[in-house]
Amino acid sequence: MGYPTLKIHVYADGANKDEMLKRNKEGFIKGFTTNPTLMNKAGLRDYEAFARSVLTEIKQFPISFEVFSDEFPEMEKQALKIGSWGPNVNIKIPITNTRGESSIPLIRKLLDQQLKLNITAILTEDQFKGIKEILTPADDVIISIFAGRIADTGTNPIPIMTKAVLDFKKLPKVKILWASPREVLNIYQAENCGCHIITATDDLISKLSLFGKSHKEYSLETVRMFYNDAKKAGFTL
């Protein structure tokens, strides 16, 4: 089985260069994202070296790299530097700093310098409404709404994702991104909401190949897995 045909663009989310290059060659993925947390978990210590290394080989798809300062003047400097790394780079700007201060003034300032942004860590309607108020049709922006984290709180993210798609419909360069999916089903849900992009970890991308698989066959494979693993473990009763 291969990957399903989707309207939504699936972006690989991670910080493993080998996985990124593998997905890049496959041709199914339409972009890439990473963040400081993923890079730290991957054991990376030289942010720029990693980014530049990836960008030497991935040139045809957008890649988002995030600023990591907590102060807006330094965020601006980092954004300008990241944006200079290549024409396919989107600069990730968190919607606030750690003190809850809005980054919207900085976002407008960076957009005025023709930078391509990915506004990240959005979880509320007020946050994306605030962004909409300062955008123009010329602004190239990804709006990353963390639907998975919204769902973690027991709230259905589909209404807010659907509303975001409708609210930004008249801004042609704005793309709504469903961030932090927890299961493959979220990819189909995001597409049904009209989202333009969804990020997915490598394991979720692999599971997309299960599209259309017989549930009866999958059940039998599961039973065989339990049986074989019990034998390998040498269990007795």
C-alpha atoms as a PDB file:
ATOM      1  CA  MET A   1       0.000   0.000   0.000  1.00  0.00           C
ATOM      2  CA  GLY A   2       1.154   3.524  -0.753  1.00  0.00           C
ATOM      3  CA  TYR A   3       0.292   6.906   0.635  1.00  0.00           C
ATOM      4  CA  PRO A   4      -3.236   8.287   0.163  1.00  0.00           C
ATOM      5  CA  THR A   5      -3.952  11.173  -2.165  1.00  0.00           C
ATOM      6  CA  LEU A   6      -4.486  14.251  -0.011  1.00  0.00           C
ATOM      7  CA  LYS A   7      -5.283  17.889  -0.665  1.00  0.00           C
ATOM      8  CA  ILE A   8      -3.686  18.921   2.611  1.00  0.00           C
ATOM      9  CA  HIS A   9       0.099  19.270   2.625  1.00  0.00           C
ATOM     10  CA  VAL A  10       1.845  17.035   5.148  1.00  0.00           C
ATOM     11  CA  TYR A  11       5.010  18.551   6.647  1.00  0.00           C
ATOM     12  CA  ALA A  12       7.484  16.260   8.390  1.00  0.00           C
ATOM     13  CA  ASP A  13       8.091  17.427  11.961  1.00  0.00           C
ATOM     14  CA  GLY A  14      11.381  16.446  13.561  1.00  0.00           C
ATOM     15  CA  ALA A  15      15.096  17.056  13.893  1.00  0.00           C
ATOM     16  CA  ASN A  16      16.608  13.860  12.541  1.00  0.00           C
ATOM     17  CA  LYS A  17      18.486  14.725   9.356  1.00  0.00           C
ATOM     18  CA  ASP A  18      18.462  11.162   8.013  1.00  0.00           C
ATOM     19  CA  GLU A  19      14.677  10.932   8.406  1.00  0.00           C
ATOM     20  CA  MET A  20      14.234  14.342   6.800  1.00  0.00           C
ATOM     21  CA  LEU A  21      16.331  13.391   3.774  1.00  0.00           C
ATOM     22  CA  LYS A  22      14.497  10.080   3.427  1.00  0.00           C
ATOM     23  CA  ARG A  23      11.130  11.865   3.371  1.00  0.00           C
ATOM     24  CA  ASN A  24      12.512  14.483   1.012  1.00  0.00           C
ATOM     25  CA  LYS A  25      13.417  11.786  -1.536  1.00  0.00           C
ATOM     26  CA  GLU A  26      10.059  10.013  -1.285  1.00  0.00           C
ATOM     27  CA  GLY A  27       8.199  13.004  -2.696  1.00  0.00           C
ATOM     28  CA  PHE A  28       5.053  12.652  -0.559  1.00  0.00           C
ATOM     29  CA  ILE A  29       6.015  15.268   2.028  1.00  0.00           C
ATOM     30  CA  LYS A  30       5.478  18.917   1.031  1.00  0.00           C
ATOM     31  CA  GLY A  31       7.555  20.634   3.713  1.00  0.00           C
ATOM     32  CA  PHE A  32       9.408  20.349   7.010  1.00  0.00           C
ATOM     33  CA  THR A  33       9.248  21.877  10.479  1.00  0.00           C
ATOM     34  CA  THR A  34      11.358  21.630  13.585  1.00  0.00           C
ATOM     35  CA  ASN A  35      11.692  23.454  16.901  1.00  0.00           C
ATOM     36  CA  PRO A  36      14.208  23.867  19.750  1.00  0.00           C
ATOM     37  CA  THR A  37      12.589  21.103  21.813  1.00  0.00           C
ATOM     38  CA  LEU A  38      12.859  18.551  19.005  1.00  0.00           C
ATOM     39  CA  MET A  39      16.424  19.616  18.300  1.00  0.00           C
ATOM     40  CA  ASN A  40      17.386  19.307  21.969  1.00  0.00           C
ATOM     41  CA  LYS A  41      15.826  15.824  22.164  1.00  0.00           C
ATOM     42  CA  ALA A  42      17.838  14.851  19.089  1.00  0.00           C
ATOM     43  CA  GLY A  43      21.024  15.875  20.928  1.00  0.00           C
ATOM     44  CA  LEU A  44      21.816  18.763  18.586  1.00  0.00           C
ATOM     45  CA  ARG A  45      24.004  21.522  20.012  1.00  0.00           C
ATOM     46  CA  ASP A  46      24.868  23.640  16.970  1.00  0.00           C
ATOM     47  CA  TYR A  47      21.571  25.105  15.754  1.00  0.00           C
ATOM     48  CA  GLU A  48      22.895  26.917  12.691  1.00  0.00           C
ATOM     49  CA  ALA A  49      25.159  24.095  11.557  1.00  0.00           C
ATOM     50  CA  PHE A  50      22.242  21.655  11.617  1.00  0.00           C
ATOM     51  CA  ALA A  51      19.949  24.042   9.751  1.00  0.00           C
ATOM     52  CA  ARG A  52      22.486  24.862   7.070  1.00  0.00           C
ATOM     53  CA  SER A  53      23.372  21.196   6.637  1.00  0.00           C
ATOM     54  CA  VAL A  54      19.730  20.300   6.018  1.00  0.00           C
ATOM     55  CA  LEU A  55      19.231  23.247   3.683  1.00  0.00           C
ATOM     56  CA  THR A  56      22.102  22.185   1.442  1.00  0.00           C
ATOM     57  CA  GLU A  57      20.063  19.099   0.521  1.00  0.00           C
ATOM     58  CA  ILE A  58      16.436  20.172   0.920  1.00  0.00           C
ATOM     59  CA  LYS A  59      15.905  23.091  -1.412  1.00  0.00           C
ATOM     60  CA  GLN A  60      12.536  22.570  -3.076  1.00  0.00           C
ATOM     61  CA  PHE A  61      10.307  22.375   0.014  1.00  0.00           C
ATOM     62  CA  PRO A  62       9.626  24.944   2.755  1.00  0.00           C
ATOM     63  CA  ILE A  63      11.365  24.415   6.094  1.00  0.00           C
ATOM     64  CA  SER A  64      10.475  26.229   9.316  1.00  0.00           C
ATOM     65  CA  PHE A  65      13.171  27.089  11.873  1.00  0.00           C
ATOM     66  CA  GLU A  66      12.285  28.822  15.143  1.00  0.00           C
ATOM     67  CA  VAL A  67      13.774  31.759  17.007  1.00  0.00           C
ATOM     68  CA  PHE A  68      14.608  30.937  20.619  1.00  0.00           C
ATOM     69  CA  SER A  69      15.231  34.255  22.366  1.00  0.00           C
ATOM     70  CA  ASP A  70      12.706  35.491  24.928  1.00  0.00           C
ATOM     71  CA  GLU A  71      13.375  39.167  24.182  1.00  0.00           C
ATOM     72  CA  PHE A  72      11.803  40.741  21.119  1.00  0.00           C
ATOM     73  CA  PRO A  73      14.849  42.750  19.910  1.00  0.00           C
ATOM     74  CA  GLU A  74      16.946  39.584  19.973  1.00  0.00           C
ATOM     75  CA  MET A  75      14.103  37.614  18.360  1.00  0.00           C
ATOM     76  CA  GLU A  76      14.213  40.095  15.494  1.00  0.00           C
ATOM     77  CA  LYS A  77      17.964  39.610  15.042  1.00  0.00           C
ATOM     78  CA  GLN A  78      17.568  35.842  15.079  1.00  0.00           C
ATOM     79  CA  ALA A  79      14.668  36.029  12.613  1.00  0.00           C
ATOM     80  CA  LEU A  80      16.696  38.091  10.160  1.00  0.00           C
ATOM     81  CA  LYS A  81      19.592  35.644  10.409  1.00  0.00           C
ATOM     82  CA  ILE A  82      17.386  32.567   9.979  1.00  0.00           C
ATOM     83  CA  GLY A  83      15.621  34.182   7.031  1.00  0.00           C
ATOM     84  CA  SER A  84      18.980  34.682   5.303  1.00  0.00           C
ATOM     85  CA  TRP A  85      19.676  30.949   5.197  1.00  0.00           C
ATOM     86  CA  GLY A  86      17.573  30.276   2.125  1.00  0.00           C
ATOM     87  CA  PRO A  87      14.517  31.202   0.062  1.00  0.00           C
ATOM     88  CA  ASN A  88      12.587  28.155   1.310  1.00  0.00           C
ATOM     89  CA  VAL A  89      12.917  29.111   4.996  1.00  0.00           C
ATOM     90  CA  ASN A  90       9.933  30.117   7.119  1.00  0.00           C
ATOM     91  CA  ILE A  91      10.834  31.729  10.440  1.00  0.00           C
ATOM     92  CA  LYS A  92       8.870  30.426  13.397  1.00  0.00           C
ATOM     93  CA  ILE A  93       7.829  33.148  15.831  1.00  0.00           C
ATOM     94  CA  PRO A  94       5.942  32.149  19.007  1.00  0.00           C
ATOM     95  CA  ILE A  95       2.701  34.048  19.539  1.00  0.00           C
ATOM     96  CA  THR A  96       4.024  35.332  22.908  1.00  0.00           C
ATOM     97  CA  ASN A  97       7.246  35.247  24.872  1.00  0.00           C
ATOM     98  CA  THR A  98       7.494  33.363  28.185  1.00  0.00           C
ATOM     99  CA  ARG A  99       5.985  36.345  30.037  1.00  0.00           C
ATOM    100  CA  GLY A 100       2.846  36.232  27.903  1.00  0.00           C
ATOM    101  CA  GLU A 101       3.738  39.444  26.033  1.00  0.00           C
ATOM    102  CA  SER A 102       2.311  39.444  22.504  1.00  0.00           C
ATOM    103  CA  SER A 103       4.731  39.074  19.605  1.00  0.00           C
ATOM    104  CA  ILE A 104       2.261  40.655  17.158  1.00  0.00           C
ATOM    105  CA  PRO A 105       4.178  43.981  16.896  1.00  0.00           C
ATOM    106  CA  LEU A 106       7.331  42.028  16.029  1.00  0.00           C
ATOM    107  CA  ILE A 107       5.411  39.898  13.533  1.00  0.00           C
ATOM    108  CA  ARG A 108       4.240  43.006  11.700  1.00  0.00           C
ATOM    109  CA  LYS A 109       7.760  44.429  11.732  1.00  0.00           C
ATOM    110  CA  LEU A 110       9.215  41.250  10.226  1.00  0.00           C
ATOM    111  CA  LEU A 111       6.507  40.999   7.588  1.00  0.00           C
ATOM    112  CA  ASP A 112       7.289  44.562   6.549  1.00  0.00           C
ATOM    113  CA  GLN A 113      10.764  43.250   5.752  1.00  0.00           C
ATOM    114  CA  GLN A 114       9.241  40.643   3.393  1.00  0.00           C
ATOM    115  CA  LEU A 115      10.104  37.700   5.607  1.00  0.00           C
ATOM    116  CA  LYS A 116       8.093  34.485   5.448  1.00  0.00           C
ATOM    117  CA  LEU A 117       6.800  33.586   8.905  1.00  0.00           C
ATOM    118  CA  ASN A 118       5.314  30.641  10.736  1.00  0.00           C
ATOM    119  CA  ILE A 119       3.456  31.927  13.803  1.00  0.00           C
ATOM    120  CA  THR A 120       3.571  29.116  16.335  1.00  0.00           C
ATOM    121  CA  ALA A 121       2.178  27.947  19.702  1.00  0.00           C
ATOM    122  CA  ILE A 122      -1.311  29.343  18.983  1.00  0.00           C
ATOM    123  CA  LEU A 123      -4.087  27.751  21.031  1.00  0.00           C
ATOM    124  CA  THR A 124      -6.816  30.397  21.294  1.00  0.00           C
ATOM    125  CA  GLU A 125      -9.164  32.154  18.924  1.00  0.00           C
ATOM    126  CA  ASP A 126      -8.158  35.531  20.377  1.00  0.00           C
ATOM    127  CA  GLN A 127      -4.554  34.826  19.410  1.00  0.00           C
ATOM    128  CA  PHE A 128      -5.260  34.186  15.746  1.00  0.00           C
ATOM    129  CA  LYS A 129      -7.794  37.028  15.623  1.00  0.00           C
ATOM    130  CA  GLY A 130      -5.040  39.364  16.794  1.00  0.00           C
ATOM    131  CA  ILE A 131      -2.802  38.177  13.977  1.00  0.00           C
ATOM    132  CA  LYS A 132      -5.534  38.632  11.388  1.00  0.00           C
ATOM    133  CA  GLU A 133      -5.984  42.272  12.377  1.00  0.00           C
ATOM    134  CA  ILE A 134      -2.429  43.170  11.321  1.00  0.00           C
ATOM    135  CA  LEU A 135      -2.144  41.112   8.118  1.00  0.00           C
ATOM    136  CA  THR A 136      -2.361  42.282   4.512  1.00  0.00           C
ATOM    137  CA  PRO A 137      -2.970  40.170   1.371  1.00  0.00           C
ATOM    138  CA  ALA A 138       0.756  40.344   0.580  1.00  0.00           C
ATOM    139  CA  ASP A 139       1.850  38.695   3.842  1.00  0.00           C
ATOM    140  CA  ASP A 140       3.272  35.159   3.530  1.00  0.00           C
ATOM    141  CA  VAL A 141       2.311  33.524   6.822  1.00  0.00           C
ATOM    142  CA  ILE A 142       1.680  30.080   8.252  1.00  0.00           C
ATOM    143  CA  ILE A 143      -0.690  30.117  11.231  1.00  0.00           C
ATOM    144  CA  SER A 144       0.233  27.124  13.400  1.00  0.00           C
ATOM    145  CA  ILE A 145      -2.633  26.237  15.715  1.00  0.00           C
ATOM    146  CA  PHE A 146      -1.774  23.471  18.164  1.00  0.00           C
ATOM    147  CA  ALA A 147      -4.872  21.362  17.682  1.00  0.00           C
ATOM    148  CA  GLY A 148      -3.275  18.385  19.397  1.00  0.00           C
ATOM    149  CA  ARG A 149      -2.640  20.343  22.565  1.00  0.00           C
ATOM    150  CA  ILE A 150      -6.179  21.727  22.463  1.00  0.00           C
ATOM    151  CA  ALA A 151      -7.419  18.131  22.289  1.00  0.00           C
ATOM    152  CA  ASP A 152      -5.162  17.197  25.224  1.00  0.00           C
ATOM    153  CA  THR A 153      -7.287  19.495  27.413  1.00  0.00           C
ATOM    154  CA  GLY A 154     -10.480  17.613  26.520  1.00  0.00           C
ATOM    155  CA  THR A 155     -11.619  20.203  23.968  1.00  0.00           C
ATOM    156  CA  ASN A 156     -12.536  19.277  20.406  1.00  0.00           C
ATOM    157  CA  PRO A 157     -10.165  21.286  18.158  1.00  0.00           C
ATOM    158  CA  ILE A 158     -12.218  20.899  14.983  1.00  0.00           C
ATOM    159  CA  PRO A 159     -14.468  23.973  15.531  1.00  0.00           C
ATOM    160  CA  ILE A 160     -11.533  26.344  16.118  1.00  0.00           C
ATOM    161  CA  MET A 161      -9.603  24.923  13.149  1.00  0.00           C
ATOM    162  CA  THR A 162     -12.635  25.283  10.873  1.00  0.00           C
ATOM    163  CA  LYS A 163     -13.188  28.847  12.062  1.00  0.00           C
ATOM    164  CA  ALA A 164      -9.552  29.762  11.449  1.00  0.00           C
ATOM    165  CA  VAL A 165      -9.746  28.489   7.865  1.00  0.00           C
ATOM    166  CA  LEU A 166     -12.856  30.600   7.239  1.00  0.00           C
ATOM    167  CA  ASP A 167     -11.507  33.691   9.005  1.00  0.00           C
ATOM    168  CA  PHE A 168      -8.340  33.820   6.901  1.00  0.00           C
ATOM    169  CA  LYS A 169      -9.951  32.784   3.610  1.00  0.00           C
ATOM    170  CA  LYS A 170      -9.612  36.252   2.052  1.00  0.00           C
ATOM    171  CA  LEU A 171      -5.874  36.409   2.728  1.00  0.00           C
ATOM    172  CA  PRO A 172      -4.390  34.391  -0.159  1.00  0.00           C
ATOM    173  CA  LYS A 173      -0.917  33.824   1.273  1.00  0.00           C
ATOM    174  CA  VAL A 174      -2.048  32.703   4.719  1.00  0.00           C
ATOM    175  CA  LYS A 175      -1.981  28.959   5.393  1.00  0.00           C
ATOM    176  CA  ILE A 176      -3.630  27.321   8.404  1.00  0.00           C
ATOM    177  CA  LEU A 177      -1.516  24.567   9.932  1.00  0.00           C
ATOM    178  CA  TRP A 178      -2.879  21.837  12.235  1.00  0.00           C
ATOM    179  CA  ALA A 179      -0.005  21.345  14.674  1.00  0.00           C
ATOM    180  CA  SER A 180       0.778  18.539  17.141  1.00  0.00           C
ATOM    181  CA  PRO A 181      -1.430  15.739  15.761  1.00  0.00           C
ATOM    182  CA  ARG A 182      -1.724  12.746  18.051  1.00  0.00           C
ATOM    183  CA  GLU A 183      -2.934  10.100  15.583  1.00  0.00           C
ATOM    184  CA  VAL A 184      -3.251   9.505  11.844  1.00  0.00           C
ATOM    185  CA  LEU A 185      -6.986  10.261  12.000  1.00  0.00           C
ATOM    186  CA  ASN A 186      -6.063  13.895  12.746  1.00  0.00           C
ATOM    187  CA  ILE A 187      -4.588  14.206   9.248  1.00  0.00           C
ATOM    188  CA  TYR A 188      -7.936  13.344   7.670  1.00  0.00           C
ATOM    189  CA  GLN A 189      -9.751  15.583  10.152  1.00  0.00           C
ATOM    190  CA  ALA A 190      -7.447  18.485   9.291  1.00  0.00           C
ATOM    191  CA  GLU A 191      -8.107  17.993   5.600  1.00  0.00           C
ATOM    192  CA  ASN A 192     -11.869  17.937   6.191  1.00  0.00           C
ATOM    193  CA  CYS A 193     -11.569  21.229   8.104  1.00  0.00           C
ATOM    194  CA  GLY A 194      -9.903  22.811   5.082  1.00  0.00           C
ATOM    195  CA  CYS A 195      -6.500  23.221   6.722  1.00  0.00           C
ATOM    196  CA  HIS A 196      -3.687  23.799   4.255  1.00  0.00           C
ATOM    197  CA  ILE A 197      -0.951  22.023   6.218  1.00  0.00           C
ATOM    198  CA  ILE A 198      -0.537  19.480   8.979  1.00  0.00           C
ATOM    199  CA  THR A 199       2.727  18.566  10.666  1.00  0.00           C
ATOM    200  CA  ALA A 200       3.405  14.896  11.379  1.00  0.00           C
ATOM    201  CA  THR A 201       6.147  12.949  13.091  1.00  0.00           C
ATOM    202  CA  ASP A 202       7.971  10.240  11.154  1.00  0.00           C
ATOM    203  CA  ASP A 203       5.958   7.441  12.763  1.00  0.00           C
ATOM    204  CA  LEU A 204       2.631   9.077  11.836  1.00  0.00           C
ATOM    205  CA  ILE A 205       3.792   9.557   8.256  1.00  0.00           C
ATOM    206  CA  SER A 206       4.669   5.861   8.072  1.00  0.00           C
ATOM    207  CA  LYS A 207       1.192   4.910   9.309  1.00  0.00           C
ATOM    208  CA  LEU A 208      -0.410   6.811   6.435  1.00  0.00           C
ATOM    209  CA  SER A 209       0.520   3.840   4.258  1.00  0.00           C
ATOM    210  CA  LEU A 210      -2.187   1.888   6.134  1.00  0.00           C
ATOM    211  CA  PHE A 211      -4.914   3.860   4.331  1.00  0.00           C
ATOM    212  CA  GLY A 212      -7.614   1.457   3.101  1.00  0.00           C
ATOM    213  CA  LYS A 213      -6.111  -1.585   4.838  1.00  0.00           C
ATOM    214  CA  SER A 214      -8.580  -4.352   5.653  1.00  0.00           C
ATOM    215  CA  HIS A 215      -9.560  -4.225   9.325  1.00  0.00           C
ATOM    216  CA  LYS A 216      -9.956  -8.014   9.307  1.00  0.00           C
ATOM    217  CA  GLU A 217      -6.414  -8.447   7.997  1.00  0.00           C
ATOM    218  CA  TYR A 218      -5.113  -5.903  10.505  1.00  0.00           C
ATOM    219  CA  SER A 219      -6.842  -7.808  13.317  1.00  0.00           C
ATOM    220  CA  LEU A 220      -5.146 -11.039  12.270  1.00  0.00           C
ATOM    221  CA  GLU A 221      -1.750  -9.323  12.115  1.00  0.00           C
ATOM    222  CA  THR A 222      -2.315  -7.989  15.633  1.00  0.00           C
ATOM    223  CA  VAL A 223      -3.155 -11.442  17.009  1.00  0.00           C
ATOM    224  CA  ARG A 224      -0.045 -12.873  15.338  1.00  0.00           C
ATOM    225  CA  MET A 225       2.059 -10.095  16.869  1.00  0.00           C
ATOM    226  CA  PHE A 226       0.808 -10.901  20.387  1.00  0.00           C
ATOM    227  CA  TYR A 227       1.409 -14.634  19.815  1.00  0.00           C
ATOM    228  CA  ASN A 228       4.919 -14.220  18.414  1.00  0.00           C
ATOM    229  CA  ASP A 229       5.988 -11.759  21.107  1.00  0.00           C
ATOM    230  CA  ALA A 230       4.766 -14.130  23.836  1.00  0.00           C
ATOM    231  CA  LYS A 231       6.855 -16.924  22.281  1.00  0.00           C
ATOM    232  CA  LYS A 232       9.942 -14.659  22.038  1.00  0.00           C
ATOM    233  CA  ALA A 233       9.563 -13.727  25.704  1.00  0.00           C
ATOM    234  CA  GLY A 234       9.328 -17.399  26.685  1.00  0.00           C
ATOM    235  CA  PHE A 235       6.187 -16.881  28.741  1.00  0.00           C
ATOM    236  CA  THR A 236       4.734 -19.911  30.542  1.00  0.00           C
ATOM    237  CA  LEU A 237       1.817 -20.394  32.865  1.00  0.00           C
END
